[in-house]
Amino acid sequence: MDSFSALIRTASHEQHMAAETSTFMSDLLGGRLGVAAYGRYTEQLWFVYEALESGAGRLAADPVAGPFIRPELLRLPALERDLAHLRGPSWRAALSALPATRAYADRVRTCAEQWPGGYVAHHYTRYLGDLSGGQVIRDRAEKTWGFPKKGDGVRFYVFEGVANPAEFKRSYRRTLDAITVDDLEKQRIVSECNRAFALNTAVFRALGEEFPLSA
């Protein structure tokens, strides 16, 4: 029988690919959009991670979500440095969430407050994605807009506390496999992973409408 981490990966593959190959992300990574689009995307990430991380402390002792709460993953301080670099010192005053981002952040917050298994689904889709595909975004951003390597502008993608990302991801998957929930709850978590990817894709779609490539 497949492990739980393998089950999640297989079940969410299609949604994952849809998120990764969105028009906005393709245009951004292809260098066809300006730094303003990258800044706007970074701004949307702030709302999602604020929802994800503001509730993390409360969940640290939870038997289901607690094992996943690892301080070396926290992204908000790095995101805020990036936003200060991209938007200037008063970045917070101009911060605004797209409706799709608001829906995503609200769902994350609801799970953090009411459903530890659902929180794990969002935790998995975000942080493992940042450690994997996020590195491609960092590399392209450095090359396209001249950010210093692993410096201000791309710090969100730099996990200074994770010395060996490949081993960390293996360890994370072992934690998933050891999760203390029954099969029905595992199915619910898998469904929430798919929902997380769909919410993320909706944000990309909204960003694509805000930053269309001129024909």
Protein backbone atom coordinates (compact mmCIF):
# COMPACT_ATOMS: atom_id res chain seq x y z
CA MET A 1 0.00 0.00 0.00
CA ASP A 2 1.22 3.50 -0.83
CA SER A 3 2.48 5.66 2.00
CA PHE A 4 0.38 8.69 2.92
CA SER A 5 2.95 11.13 1.49
CA ALA A 6 2.92 9.21 -1.82
CA LEU A 7 -0.89 9.21 -1.80
CA ILE A 8 -0.96 12.99 -1.38
CA ARG A 9 1.59 13.52 -4.12
CA THR A 10 -0.27 11.29 -6.58
CA ALA A 11 -3.75 12.61 -5.79
CA SER A 12 -2.73 16.25 -6.09
CA HIS A 13 -0.46 15.88 -9.14
CA GLU A 14 -2.95 17.30 -11.65
CA GLN A 15 -3.85 20.32 -9.51
CA HIS A 16 -0.16 20.87 -8.76
CA MET A 17 0.69 20.97 -12.46
CA ALA A 18 -2.19 23.40 -13.14
CA ALA A 19 -0.77 25.78 -10.52
CA GLU A 20 2.81 25.48 -11.80
CA THR A 21 1.90 26.00 -15.44
CA SER A 22 -0.48 28.93 -15.00
CA THR A 23 -0.14 31.67 -17.62
CA PHE A 24 0.90 34.24 -15.02
CA MET A 25 3.66 32.05 -13.60
CA SER A 26 4.86 31.08 -17.09
CA ASP A 27 5.02 34.75 -18.11
CA LEU A 28 6.73 35.74 -14.85
CA LEU A 29 9.35 33.00 -15.08
CA GLY A 30 9.80 33.64 -18.78
CA GLY A 31 10.87 37.22 -18.03
CA ARG A 32 7.87 38.60 -19.94
CA LEU A 33 6.51 40.55 -16.97
CA GLY A 34 8.11 43.42 -15.09
CA VAL A 35 9.27 43.58 -11.51
CA ALA A 36 5.92 45.18 -10.56
CA ALA A 37 4.18 41.85 -11.26
CA TYR A 38 6.73 40.02 -9.12
CA GLY A 39 6.17 42.54 -6.33
CA ARG A 40 2.40 42.12 -6.55
CA TYR A 41 2.79 38.33 -6.37
CA THR A 42 5.07 38.68 -3.33
CA GLU A 43 2.45 40.91 -1.73
CA GLN A 44 -0.22 38.20 -2.18
CA LEU A 45 2.08 35.64 -0.57
CA TRP A 46 2.25 37.82 2.53
CA PHE A 47 -1.48 37.40 3.18
CA VAL A 48 -1.33 33.62 2.82
CA TYR A 49 1.72 33.23 5.07
CA GLU A 50 0.34 35.62 7.65
CA ALA A 51 -2.69 33.30 7.92
CA LEU A 52 -0.47 30.21 7.96
CA GLU A 53 2.05 31.44 10.51
CA SER A 54 0.00 33.60 12.86
CA GLY A 55 -1.78 30.43 14.05
CA ALA A 56 1.30 28.20 14.11
CA GLY A 57 2.18 28.80 17.78
CA ARG A 58 -1.26 27.70 18.90
CA LEU A 59 -0.89 24.44 16.98
CA ALA A 60 2.59 23.54 18.21
CA ALA A 61 1.22 21.22 20.89
CA ASP A 62 -1.47 19.69 18.67
CA PRO A 63 -0.91 15.93 18.11
CA VAL A 64 -1.75 16.16 14.38
CA ALA A 65 -0.35 19.55 13.30
CA GLY A 66 2.31 20.00 15.98
CA PRO A 67 5.02 17.79 14.40
CA PHE A 68 4.94 20.00 11.28
CA ILE A 69 5.47 23.31 13.09
CA ARG A 70 9.18 23.94 12.49
CA PRO A 71 10.67 27.37 13.12
CA GLU A 72 13.19 27.00 10.28
CA LEU A 73 10.31 27.10 7.79
CA LEU A 74 8.75 30.41 8.90
CA ARG A 75 8.63 32.83 5.96
CA LEU A 76 6.98 36.04 7.19
CA PRO A 77 10.13 37.88 8.34
CA ALA A 78 11.84 37.12 5.00
CA LEU A 79 8.73 38.14 3.05
CA GLU A 80 8.60 41.43 4.92
CA ARG A 81 12.24 42.16 4.08
CA ASP A 82 11.52 41.41 0.44
CA LEU A 83 8.48 43.69 0.43
CA ALA A 84 10.47 46.51 2.04
CA HIS A 85 13.03 46.08 -0.75
CA LEU A 86 10.40 45.91 -3.51
CA ARG A 87 7.96 48.51 -2.23
CA GLY A 88 9.95 50.74 0.12
CA PRO A 89 9.72 51.23 3.90
CA SER A 90 6.00 52.06 3.87
CA TRP A 91 5.08 48.83 2.00
CA ARG A 92 2.61 47.80 4.70
CA ALA A 93 0.37 50.84 4.15
CA ALA A 94 -0.14 49.95 0.48
CA LEU A 95 -0.63 46.22 1.00
CA SER A 96 -3.80 44.90 -0.65
CA ALA A 97 -5.13 41.40 -1.19
CA LEU A 98 -6.87 40.31 -4.38
CA PRO A 99 -10.29 38.71 -3.70
CA ALA A 100 -8.81 35.33 -4.66
CA THR A 101 -5.98 35.86 -2.17
CA ARG A 102 -8.45 36.83 0.53
CA ALA A 103 -10.39 33.60 -0.08
CA TYR A 104 -7.16 31.56 0.10
CA ALA A 105 -5.95 33.24 3.30
CA ASP A 106 -9.40 32.90 4.90
CA ARG A 107 -9.44 29.17 4.20
CA VAL A 108 -5.96 28.74 5.69
CA ARG A 109 -7.00 30.70 8.78
CA THR A 110 -10.18 28.64 9.21
CA CYS A 111 -8.16 25.41 9.08
CA ALA A 112 -5.58 26.81 11.52
CA GLU A 113 -8.35 27.65 13.97
CA GLN A 114 -10.69 24.70 13.52
CA TRP A 115 -9.10 21.74 11.72
CA PRO A 116 -5.48 20.68 12.34
CA GLY A 117 -5.58 18.10 9.51
CA GLY A 118 -6.62 20.79 7.06
CA TYR A 119 -3.86 23.03 8.34
CA VAL A 120 -1.35 20.25 7.58
CA ALA A 121 -2.66 20.13 3.99
CA HIS A 122 -1.95 23.86 3.51
CA HIS A 123 1.37 23.61 5.33
CA TYR A 124 2.48 20.80 3.03
CA THR A 125 1.42 22.46 -0.22
CA ARG A 126 3.10 25.75 0.67
CA TYR A 127 6.39 24.89 2.33
CA LEU A 128 7.34 21.85 0.27
CA GLY A 129 6.51 23.88 -2.83
CA ASP A 130 8.75 26.72 -1.64
CA LEU A 131 11.61 24.31 -1.05
CA SER A 132 11.16 22.81 -4.52
CA GLY A 133 9.70 24.96 -7.33
CA GLY A 134 10.31 28.08 -5.27
CA GLN A 135 14.02 27.70 -5.96
CA VAL A 136 13.36 28.01 -9.70
CA ILE A 137 11.47 31.26 -9.05
CA ARG A 138 14.37 32.60 -6.96
CA ASP A 139 16.91 31.79 -9.67
CA ARG A 140 14.81 33.43 -12.41
CA ALA A 141 14.07 36.49 -10.29
CA GLU A 142 17.78 37.02 -9.58
CA LYS A 143 18.61 36.75 -13.28
CA THR A 144 15.63 38.75 -14.60
CA TRP A 145 15.55 41.67 -12.17
CA GLY A 146 19.08 41.64 -10.83
CA PHE A 147 18.37 40.89 -7.18
CA PRO A 148 21.49 40.00 -5.19
CA LYS A 149 21.92 36.24 -4.98
CA LYS A 150 19.82 35.00 -2.04
CA GLY A 151 19.49 38.63 -0.95
CA ASP A 152 16.76 41.26 -0.55
CA GLY A 153 13.96 40.64 -3.03
CA VAL A 154 14.28 36.84 -2.97
CA ARG A 155 14.80 36.09 0.73
CA PHE A 156 11.39 34.41 0.87
CA TYR A 157 12.90 31.52 -1.13
CA VAL A 158 16.05 31.23 1.01
CA PHE A 159 15.69 28.75 3.88
CA GLU A 160 18.77 29.55 5.93
CA GLY A 161 17.78 27.06 8.63
CA VAL A 162 17.47 24.16 6.18
CA ALA A 163 21.00 22.98 5.41
CA ASN A 164 19.95 20.04 3.22
CA PRO A 165 16.61 20.63 1.46
CA ALA A 166 16.44 17.12 -0.05
CA GLU A 167 16.89 15.49 3.36
CA PHE A 168 14.48 17.94 4.94
CA LYS A 169 11.80 17.03 2.39
CA ARG A 170 12.39 13.31 3.06
CA SER A 171 12.06 13.95 6.79
CA TYR A 172 8.88 15.98 6.21
CA ARG A 173 7.38 13.10 4.20
CA ARG A 174 8.25 10.66 7.00
CA THR A 175 6.36 12.96 9.38
CA LEU A 176 3.39 12.87 6.99
CA ASP A 177 3.55 9.07 6.87
CA ALA A 178 3.48 8.94 10.68
CA ILE A 179 0.46 11.27 11.02
CA THR A 180 -1.93 10.06 13.73
CA VAL A 181 -5.27 10.14 11.89
CA ASP A 182 -7.57 7.48 10.45
CA ASP A 183 -8.08 6.70 6.75
CA LEU A 184 -11.16 8.89 6.42
CA GLU A 185 -9.28 11.89 7.81
CA LYS A 186 -6.39 11.13 5.44
CA GLN A 187 -8.82 11.35 2.52
CA ARG A 188 -10.10 14.68 3.84
CA ILE A 189 -6.51 15.97 4.07
CA VAL A 190 -5.83 14.87 0.48
CA SER A 191 -8.97 16.73 -0.64
CA GLU A 192 -7.81 19.83 1.21
CA CYS A 193 -4.44 19.65 -0.57
CA ASN A 194 -6.30 19.74 -3.86
CA ARG A 195 -8.35 22.66 -2.59
CA ALA A 196 -5.13 24.46 -1.61
CA PHE A 197 -3.72 24.06 -5.12
CA ALA A 198 -7.02 25.27 -6.60
CA LEU A 199 -7.00 28.35 -4.34
CA ASN A 200 -3.40 29.06 -5.34
CA THR A 201 -4.27 28.68 -9.04
CA ALA A 202 -7.14 31.16 -8.59
CA VAL A 203 -4.63 33.72 -7.25
CA PHE A 204 -2.43 33.16 -10.32
CA ARG A 205 -5.48 33.61 -12.56
CA ALA A 206 -6.35 36.90 -10.85
CA LEU A 207 -2.74 38.10 -11.15
CA GLY A 208 -2.80 37.13 -14.82
CA GLU A 209 -5.85 39.36 -15.31
CA GLU A 210 -4.12 42.21 -13.50
CA PHE A 211 -0.91 41.81 -15.54
CA PRO A 212 -2.00 40.73 -19.04
CA LEU A 213 0.70 40.61 -21.67
CA SER A 214 -0.11 43.27 -24.23
CA ALA A 215 -0.93 41.58 -27.53
